Amino acid sequence: MEPPSGTPLTVVMVCLTVATGMLDAVSFLALGQVFTATQTGNRLFLGFGIAGQGGLPVVATAISLGAFALGAVLGARMESLLAARASQWFPVALAVEAALLFAAAAAAWESGPVPGLPQGRRDVVIGLMAVAMGMRNVTAMRAAPPDLTTTVETRAMTALVSASPLGRDTRLGYGGHSAGRRLLSVGSMFAGGLLGAGLLGLGTRPTLVLLLVAVFVAATAFLVPGLARRRRSSEE
């Protein structure tokens, strides 16, 4: 009933990190300088906006922070309840995340570009995306793959550099085999941001990028139970 372990889990989490980068590209570049996953940046943006500096939005940032917290609460309640009932909480959590992203895409759908949406609808899209990412954070923390939170890469980047031949910190893994995983973690977020920004730069509608991510997360939710069963069978 647990998520897959070992290499299959690493692959899933790396791909989800790419998806996170794409979502933040949409929210920041197309919805108005706000993140829906990287809430550390949002906390700073909210402070800057309240101070009246940088022209950063206050309401949209506050909505994202609040919706993210709501998603974390809902994710924790749902996943812990499913786990207590010996149900497959990991794929269910991904399926709910995908449903929220489909709802965000539906809310953003129109014939014109997303920046032309009324502010109210933009706030709804931001809120739905942030709820999904709050749930994702809980899912990643419960799955607990080393260095793969899928939404925050500062810790993985610090560990990567500190445990490298330059930093040589044995307590952080120097001489071990974690460098590749940490590099994947940091690189996948960059790749997701690059891919999302590139698609938007080519004229792809933000709604379609949202739909692409939602379809991917839904497909992952469908495939995960089989990966977990296959992993358990190989270990028996």
C-alpha atoms as a PDB file:
ATOM      1  CA  MET A   1       0.000   0.000   0.000  1.00  0.00           C
ATOM      2  CA  GLU A   2       3.041   2.290   0.211  1.00  0.00           C
ATOM      3  CA  PRO A   3       4.494   4.200  -2.772  1.00  0.00           C
ATOM      4  CA  PRO A   4       7.194   2.490  -4.843  1.00  0.00           C
ATOM      5  CA  SER A   5      10.691   2.575  -3.424  1.00  0.00           C
ATOM      6  CA  GLY A   6      14.204   2.781  -4.815  1.00  0.00           C
ATOM      7  CA  THR A   7      14.733   3.786  -8.435  1.00  0.00           C
ATOM      8  CA  PRO A   8      11.001   3.836  -9.415  1.00  0.00           C
ATOM      9  CA  LEU A   9      10.239   6.351  -6.645  1.00  0.00           C
ATOM     10  CA  THR A  10      13.243   8.470  -7.619  1.00  0.00           C
ATOM     11  CA  VAL A  11      12.067   8.576 -11.239  1.00  0.00           C
ATOM     12  CA  VAL A  12       8.522   9.511 -10.202  1.00  0.00           C
ATOM     13  CA  MET A  13       9.699  12.289  -7.909  1.00  0.00           C
ATOM     14  CA  VAL A  14      12.141  13.695 -10.450  1.00  0.00           C
ATOM     15  CA  CYS A  15       9.351  13.864 -13.025  1.00  0.00           C
ATOM     16  CA  LEU A  16       7.042  15.535 -10.506  1.00  0.00           C
ATOM     17  CA  THR A  17       9.776  18.096  -9.830  1.00  0.00           C
ATOM     18  CA  VAL A  18       9.867  18.900 -13.540  1.00  0.00           C
ATOM     19  CA  ALA A  19       6.101  19.364 -13.393  1.00  0.00           C
ATOM     20  CA  THR A  20       6.526  21.772 -10.461  1.00  0.00           C
ATOM     21  CA  GLY A  21       8.914  23.919 -12.463  1.00  0.00           C
ATOM     22  CA  MET A  22       6.410  24.079 -15.311  1.00  0.00           C
ATOM     23  CA  LEU A  23       3.594  25.108 -12.969  1.00  0.00           C
ATOM     24  CA  ASP A  24       5.619  27.879 -11.392  1.00  0.00           C
ATOM     25  CA  ALA A  25       6.572  29.106 -14.858  1.00  0.00           C
ATOM     26  CA  VAL A  26       2.865  29.426 -15.675  1.00  0.00           C
ATOM     27  CA  SER A  27       1.954  31.110 -12.401  1.00  0.00           C
ATOM     28  CA  PHE A  28       4.848  33.571 -12.391  1.00  0.00           C
ATOM     29  CA  LEU A  29       5.038  34.403 -16.086  1.00  0.00           C
ATOM     30  CA  ALA A  30       1.357  34.216 -17.064  1.00  0.00           C
ATOM     31  CA  LEU A  31      -0.629  34.873 -13.887  1.00  0.00           C
ATOM     32  CA  GLY A  32       1.242  37.846 -12.487  1.00  0.00           C
ATOM     33  CA  GLN A  33       4.501  37.403 -10.584  1.00  0.00           C
ATOM     34  CA  VAL A  34       3.298  34.859  -8.044  1.00  0.00           C
ATOM     35  CA  PHE A  35       4.474  31.327  -7.317  1.00  0.00           C
ATOM     36  CA  THR A  36       2.093  28.479  -6.539  1.00  0.00           C
ATOM     37  CA  ALA A  37       4.701  25.926  -5.408  1.00  0.00           C
ATOM     38  CA  THR A  38       7.779  27.854  -4.245  1.00  0.00           C
ATOM     39  CA  GLN A  39       6.204  29.454  -1.205  1.00  0.00           C
ATOM     40  CA  THR A  40       9.532  30.708   0.188  1.00  0.00           C
ATOM     41  CA  GLY A  41       9.625  33.171  -2.671  1.00  0.00           C
ATOM     42  CA  ASN A  42       6.000  34.114  -2.052  1.00  0.00           C
ATOM     43  CA  ARG A  43       6.649  35.014   1.567  1.00  0.00           C
ATOM     44  CA  LEU A  44       9.340  37.431   0.423  1.00  0.00           C
ATOM     45  CA  PHE A  45       7.144  38.772  -2.377  1.00  0.00           C
ATOM     46  CA  LEU A  46       4.330  39.407   0.100  1.00  0.00           C
ATOM     47  CA  GLY A  47       6.676  41.429   2.292  1.00  0.00           C
ATOM     48  CA  PHE A  48       7.970  43.379  -0.692  1.00  0.00           C
ATOM     49  CA  GLY A  49       4.428  44.002  -1.924  1.00  0.00           C
ATOM     50  CA  ILE A  50       3.154  45.200   1.449  1.00  0.00           C
ATOM     51  CA  ALA A  51       6.136  47.560   1.577  1.00  0.00           C
ATOM     52  CA  GLY A  52       5.086  48.904  -1.822  1.00  0.00           C
ATOM     53  CA  GLN A  53       8.304  47.919  -3.576  1.00  0.00           C
ATOM     54  CA  GLY A  54       8.807  46.172  -6.896  1.00  0.00           C
ATOM     55  CA  GLY A  55       5.199  46.366  -8.031  1.00  0.00           C
ATOM     56  CA  LEU A  56       4.543  42.875  -6.669  1.00  0.00           C
ATOM     57  CA  PRO A  57       0.957  41.717  -6.063  1.00  0.00           C
ATOM     58  CA  VAL A  58      -0.248  41.412  -2.475  1.00  0.00           C
ATOM     59  CA  VAL A  59      -3.685  39.826  -2.863  1.00  0.00           C
ATOM     60  CA  ALA A  60      -2.645  37.106  -5.332  1.00  0.00           C
ATOM     61  CA  THR A  61       0.409  36.226  -3.248  1.00  0.00           C
ATOM     62  CA  ALA A  62      -1.672  36.015  -0.072  1.00  0.00           C
ATOM     63  CA  ILE A  63      -4.188  33.795  -1.889  1.00  0.00           C
ATOM     64  CA  SER A  64      -1.398  31.482  -3.019  1.00  0.00           C
ATOM     65  CA  LEU A  65       0.051  31.223   0.499  1.00  0.00           C
ATOM     66  CA  GLY A  66      -3.356  30.588   2.064  1.00  0.00           C
ATOM     67  CA  ALA A  67      -4.409  28.057  -0.572  1.00  0.00           C
ATOM     68  CA  PHE A  68      -1.098  26.233  -0.234  1.00  0.00           C
ATOM     69  CA  ALA A  69      -1.634  25.944   3.536  1.00  0.00           C
ATOM     70  CA  LEU A  70      -5.179  24.682   2.916  1.00  0.00           C
ATOM     71  CA  GLY A  71      -3.847  22.084   0.492  1.00  0.00           C
ATOM     72  CA  ALA A  72      -1.317  20.917   3.056  1.00  0.00           C
ATOM     73  CA  VAL A  73      -4.041  20.507   5.684  1.00  0.00           C
ATOM     74  CA  LEU A  74      -6.359  18.656   3.304  1.00  0.00           C
ATOM     75  CA  GLY A  75      -3.523  16.487   2.034  1.00  0.00           C
ATOM     76  CA  ALA A  76      -2.407  15.556   5.529  1.00  0.00           C
ATOM     77  CA  ARG A  77      -5.938  14.646   6.621  1.00  0.00           C
ATOM     78  CA  MET A  78      -6.730  12.674   3.478  1.00  0.00           C
ATOM     79  CA  GLU A  79      -3.442  10.801   3.192  1.00  0.00           C
ATOM     80  CA  SER A  80      -3.195   9.876   6.860  1.00  0.00           C
ATOM     81  CA  LEU A  81      -6.798   8.638   6.802  1.00  0.00           C
ATOM     82  CA  LEU A  82      -6.160   6.512   3.715  1.00  0.00           C
ATOM     83  CA  ALA A  83      -2.952   5.130   5.200  1.00  0.00           C
ATOM     84  CA  ALA A  84      -4.776   4.203   8.431  1.00  0.00           C
ATOM     85  CA  ARG A  85      -7.275   2.258   6.320  1.00  0.00           C
ATOM     86  CA  ALA A  86      -4.431   0.504   4.449  1.00  0.00           C
ATOM     87  CA  SER A  87      -5.463   2.231   1.210  1.00  0.00           C
ATOM     88  CA  GLN A  88      -3.144   3.413  -1.542  1.00  0.00           C
ATOM     89  CA  TRP A  89      -2.705   7.007  -0.380  1.00  0.00           C
ATOM     90  CA  PHE A  90       0.127   7.875  -2.775  1.00  0.00           C
ATOM     91  CA  PRO A  91      -1.684   7.390  -6.119  1.00  0.00           C
ATOM     92  CA  VAL A  92      -4.912   8.811  -4.664  1.00  0.00           C
ATOM     93  CA  ALA A  93      -3.052  11.962  -3.619  1.00  0.00           C
ATOM     94  CA  LEU A  94      -1.612  12.332  -7.117  1.00  0.00           C
ATOM     95  CA  ALA A  95      -5.056  11.778  -8.652  1.00  0.00           C
ATOM     96  CA  VAL A  96      -6.555  14.531  -6.467  1.00  0.00           C
ATOM     97  CA  GLU A  97      -3.658  16.822  -7.409  1.00  0.00           C
ATOM     98  CA  ALA A  98      -4.339  16.142 -11.083  1.00  0.00           C
ATOM     99  CA  ALA A  99      -8.053  16.888 -10.600  1.00  0.00           C
ATOM    100  CA  LEU A 100      -7.218  20.244  -9.020  1.00  0.00           C
ATOM    101  CA  LEU A 101      -4.911  21.098 -11.918  1.00  0.00           C
ATOM    102  CA  PHE A 102      -7.620  20.133 -14.429  1.00  0.00           C
ATOM    103  CA  ALA A 103      -9.985  22.444 -12.521  1.00  0.00           C
ATOM    104  CA  ALA A 104      -7.394  25.237 -12.690  1.00  0.00           C
ATOM    105  CA  ALA A 105      -7.054  24.750 -16.433  1.00  0.00           C
ATOM    106  CA  ALA A 106     -10.832  24.833 -16.829  1.00  0.00           C
ATOM    107  CA  ALA A 107     -11.037  28.058 -14.804  1.00  0.00           C
ATOM    108  CA  ALA A 108      -8.348  29.596 -17.015  1.00  0.00           C
ATOM    109  CA  TRP A 109      -9.877  28.475 -20.298  1.00  0.00           C
ATOM    110  CA  GLU A 110     -10.827  31.216 -22.742  1.00  0.00           C
ATOM    111  CA  SER A 111     -10.153  32.228 -26.316  1.00  0.00           C
ATOM    112  CA  GLY A 112      -7.627  34.885 -25.355  1.00  0.00           C
ATOM    113  CA  PRO A 113      -4.379  34.673 -23.365  1.00  0.00           C
ATOM    114  CA  VAL A 114      -4.570  34.023 -19.640  1.00  0.00           C
ATOM    115  CA  PRO A 115      -3.252  37.498 -18.657  1.00  0.00           C
ATOM    116  CA  GLY A 116      -6.513  38.809 -20.162  1.00  0.00           C
ATOM    117  CA  LEU A 117      -8.557  36.961 -17.539  1.00  0.00           C
ATOM    118  CA  PRO A 118     -10.440  39.043 -14.977  1.00  0.00           C
ATOM    119  CA  GLN A 119      -8.549  39.277 -11.714  1.00  0.00           C
ATOM    120  CA  GLY A 120     -11.137  37.159  -9.915  1.00  0.00           C
ATOM    121  CA  ARG A 121     -10.678  34.237 -12.284  1.00  0.00           C
ATOM    122  CA  ARG A 122      -6.919  34.581 -12.136  1.00  0.00           C
ATOM    123  CA  ASP A 123      -7.115  34.363  -8.351  1.00  0.00           C
ATOM    124  CA  VAL A 124      -9.216  31.192  -8.649  1.00  0.00           C
ATOM    125  CA  VAL A 125      -6.615  29.621 -10.947  1.00  0.00           C
ATOM    126  CA  ILE A 126      -3.797  30.594  -8.574  1.00  0.00           C
ATOM    127  CA  GLY A 127      -5.727  29.226  -5.609  1.00  0.00           C
ATOM    128  CA  LEU A 128      -6.456  25.862  -7.237  1.00  0.00           C
ATOM    129  CA  MET A 129      -2.835  25.450  -8.320  1.00  0.00           C
ATOM    130  CA  ALA A 130      -1.573  26.348  -4.847  1.00  0.00           C
ATOM    131  CA  VAL A 131      -3.951  23.885  -3.151  1.00  0.00           C
ATOM    132  CA  ALA A 132      -2.602  21.185  -5.462  1.00  0.00           C
ATOM    133  CA  MET A 133       0.974  22.094  -4.578  1.00  0.00           C
ATOM    134  CA  GLY A 134       0.217  22.144  -0.858  1.00  0.00           C
ATOM    135  CA  MET A 135      -1.068  18.603  -1.175  1.00  0.00           C
ATOM    136  CA  ARG A 136       2.008  17.682  -3.230  1.00  0.00           C
ATOM    137  CA  ASN A 137       4.301  18.856  -0.448  1.00  0.00           C
ATOM    138  CA  VAL A 138       2.561  16.547   2.014  1.00  0.00           C
ATOM    139  CA  THR A 139       2.739  13.677  -0.475  1.00  0.00           C
ATOM    140  CA  ALA A 140       6.470  14.183  -1.013  1.00  0.00           C
ATOM    141  CA  MET A 141       7.165  14.445   2.719  1.00  0.00           C
ATOM    142  CA  ARG A 142       5.214  11.257   3.448  1.00  0.00           C
ATOM    143  CA  ALA A 143       6.992   9.378   0.647  1.00  0.00           C
ATOM    144  CA  ALA A 144      10.274  10.775   2.048  1.00  0.00           C
ATOM    145  CA  PRO A 145      12.678  10.131  -0.835  1.00  0.00           C
ATOM    146  CA  PRO A 146      16.089  11.608   0.105  1.00  0.00           C
ATOM    147  CA  ASP A 147      16.753  15.051  -1.441  1.00  0.00           C
ATOM    148  CA  LEU A 148      13.572  14.954  -3.549  1.00  0.00           C
ATOM    149  CA  THR A 149      10.920  17.252  -2.092  1.00  0.00           C
ATOM    150  CA  THR A 150       9.658  18.123  -5.637  1.00  0.00           C
ATOM    151  CA  THR A 151       8.995  21.768  -4.659  1.00  0.00           C
ATOM    152  CA  VAL A 152      11.986  23.134  -2.702  1.00  0.00           C
ATOM    153  CA  GLU A 153      15.508  22.594  -3.999  1.00  0.00           C
ATOM    154  CA  THR A 154      17.625  24.887  -1.798  1.00  0.00           C
ATOM    155  CA  ARG A 155      18.476  22.097   0.645  1.00  0.00           C
ATOM    156  CA  ALA A 156      19.370  19.654  -2.145  1.00  0.00           C
ATOM    157  CA  MET A 157      21.539  22.282  -3.853  1.00  0.00           C
ATOM    158  CA  THR A 158      23.349  23.064  -0.585  1.00  0.00           C
ATOM    159  CA  ALA A 159      23.945  19.372   0.083  1.00  0.00           C
ATOM    160  CA  LEU A 160      25.133  18.829  -3.483  1.00  0.00           C
ATOM    161  CA  VAL A 161      27.764  21.553  -3.241  1.00  0.00           C
ATOM    162  CA  SER A 162      28.775  20.867   0.370  1.00  0.00           C
ATOM    163  CA  ALA A 163      29.314  17.152  -0.248  1.00  0.00           C
ATOM    164  CA  SER A 164      31.175  17.726  -3.515  1.00  0.00           C
ATOM    165  CA  PRO A 165      34.976  17.534  -3.875  1.00  0.00           C
ATOM    166  CA  LEU A 166      34.930  21.296  -3.254  1.00  0.00           C
ATOM    167  CA  GLY A 167      33.017  21.162   0.033  1.00  0.00           C
ATOM    168  CA  ARG A 168      34.227  17.700   1.160  1.00  0.00           C
ATOM    169  CA  ASP A 169      31.725  17.538   4.043  1.00  0.00           C
ATOM    170  CA  THR A 170      31.465  13.864   4.990  1.00  0.00           C
ATOM    171  CA  ARG A 171      28.510  14.538   7.284  1.00  0.00           C
ATOM    172  CA  LEU A 172      26.559  15.754   4.268  1.00  0.00           C
ATOM    173  CA  GLY A 173      27.524  12.777   2.131  1.00  0.00           C
ATOM    174  CA  TYR A 174      30.973  13.404   0.690  1.00  0.00           C
ATOM    175  CA  GLY A 175      32.351  10.083  -0.513  1.00  0.00           C
ATOM    176  CA  GLY A 176      28.859   8.574  -0.745  1.00  0.00           C
ATOM    177  CA  HIS A 177      26.518   7.989  -3.651  1.00  0.00           C
ATOM    178  CA  SER A 178      24.005  10.808  -3.192  1.00  0.00           C
ATOM    179  CA  ALA A 179      25.472  13.328  -5.626  1.00  0.00           C
ATOM    180  CA  GLY A 180      23.637  11.940  -8.649  1.00  0.00           C
ATOM    181  CA  ARG A 181      20.248  12.041  -6.934  1.00  0.00           C
ATOM    182  CA  ARG A 182      20.850  15.577  -5.676  1.00  0.00           C
ATOM    183  CA  LEU A 183      21.927  16.697  -9.120  1.00  0.00           C
ATOM    184  CA  LEU A 184      18.752  15.206 -10.583  1.00  0.00           C
ATOM    185  CA  SER A 185      16.683  16.989  -7.961  1.00  0.00           C
ATOM    186  CA  VAL A 186      18.197  20.406  -8.645  1.00  0.00           C
ATOM    187  CA  GLY A 187      18.401  19.921 -12.406  1.00  0.00           C
ATOM    188  CA  SER A 188      14.818  18.721 -12.771  1.00  0.00           C
ATOM    189  CA  MET A 189      13.416  21.908 -11.221  1.00  0.00           C
ATOM    190  CA  PHE A 190      15.541  23.979 -13.598  1.00  0.00           C
ATOM    191  CA  ALA A 191      14.453  21.806 -16.522  1.00  0.00           C
ATOM    192  CA  GLY A 192      10.793  22.212 -15.599  1.00  0.00           C
ATOM    193  CA  GLY A 193      11.083  25.982 -15.374  1.00  0.00           C
ATOM    194  CA  LEU A 194      12.955  26.081 -18.669  1.00  0.00           C
ATOM    195  CA  LEU A 195      10.407  23.843 -20.375  1.00  0.00           C
ATOM    196  CA  GLY A 196       7.436  25.791 -19.063  1.00  0.00           C
ATOM    197  CA  ALA A 197       8.956  29.144 -19.970  1.00  0.00           C
ATOM    198  CA  GLY A 198      10.006  27.819 -23.369  1.00  0.00           C
ATOM    199  CA  LEU A 199       6.492  26.602 -24.172  1.00  0.00           C
ATOM    200  CA  LEU A 200       5.019  29.944 -23.143  1.00  0.00           C
ATOM    201  CA  GLY A 201       7.661  31.751 -25.172  1.00  0.00           C
ATOM    202  CA  LEU A 202       6.675  29.732 -28.238  1.00  0.00           C
ATOM    203  CA  GLY A 203       3.109  30.967 -27.868  1.00  0.00           C
ATOM    204  CA  THR A 204       1.606  27.945 -26.130  1.00  0.00           C
ATOM    205  CA  ARG A 205      -1.424  28.980 -24.128  1.00  0.00           C
ATOM    206  CA  PRO A 206      -0.839  28.735 -20.371  1.00  0.00           C
ATOM    207  CA  THR A 207      -4.027  26.682 -20.113  1.00  0.00           C
ATOM    208  CA  LEU A 208      -2.517  24.047 -22.382  1.00  0.00           C
ATOM    209  CA  VAL A 209       0.646  23.905 -20.262  1.00  0.00           C
ATOM    210  CA  LEU A 210      -1.566  23.381 -17.209  1.00  0.00           C
ATOM    211  CA  LEU A 211      -3.432  20.617 -19.001  1.00  0.00           C
ATOM    212  CA  LEU A 212      -0.168  18.955 -20.021  1.00  0.00           C
ATOM    213  CA  VAL A 213       1.004  18.849 -16.402  1.00  0.00           C
ATOM    214  CA  ALA A 214      -2.399  17.643 -15.184  1.00  0.00           C
ATOM    215  CA  VAL A 215      -2.420  14.788 -17.704  1.00  0.00           C
ATOM    216  CA  PHE A 216       1.099  13.796 -16.689  1.00  0.00           C
ATOM    217  CA  VAL A 217       0.262  13.752 -12.958  1.00  0.00           C
ATOM    218  CA  ALA A 218      -2.908  11.749 -13.661  1.00  0.00           C
ATOM    219  CA  ALA A 219      -0.928   9.237 -15.719  1.00  0.00           C
ATOM    220  CA  THR A 220       1.614   8.940 -12.920  1.00  0.00           C
ATOM    221  CA  ALA A 221      -1.183   8.231 -10.420  1.00  0.00           C
ATOM    222  CA  PHE A 222      -2.432   5.456 -12.716  1.00  0.00           C
ATOM    223  CA  LEU A 223       1.018   3.878 -13.152  1.00  0.00           C
ATOM    224  CA  VAL A 224       2.271   4.080  -9.540  1.00  0.00           C
ATOM    225  CA  PRO A 225       0.348   1.055  -8.124  1.00  0.00           C
ATOM    226  CA  GLY A 226       1.843  -1.183 -10.799  1.00  0.00           C
ATOM    227  CA  LEU A 227       5.337   0.119 -10.082  1.00  0.00           C
ATOM    228  CA  ALA A 228       4.874  -0.550  -6.366  1.00  0.00           C
ATOM    229  CA  ARG A 229       3.605  -4.111  -6.982  1.00  0.00           C
ATOM    230  CA  ARG A 230       6.464  -4.841  -9.369  1.00  0.00           C
ATOM    231  CA  ARG A 231       9.000  -3.556  -6.853  1.00  0.00           C
ATOM    232  CA  ARG A 232       7.546  -5.683  -4.060  1.00  0.00           C
ATOM    233  CA  SER A 233       7.483  -8.771  -6.305  1.00  0.00           C
ATOM    234  CA  SER A 234      11.164  -8.328  -7.179  1.00  0.00           C
ATOM    235  CA  GLU A 235      12.051  -8.072  -3.478  1.00  0.00           C
ATOM    236  CA  GLU A 236      10.232 -11.283  -2.489  1.00  0.00           C
END
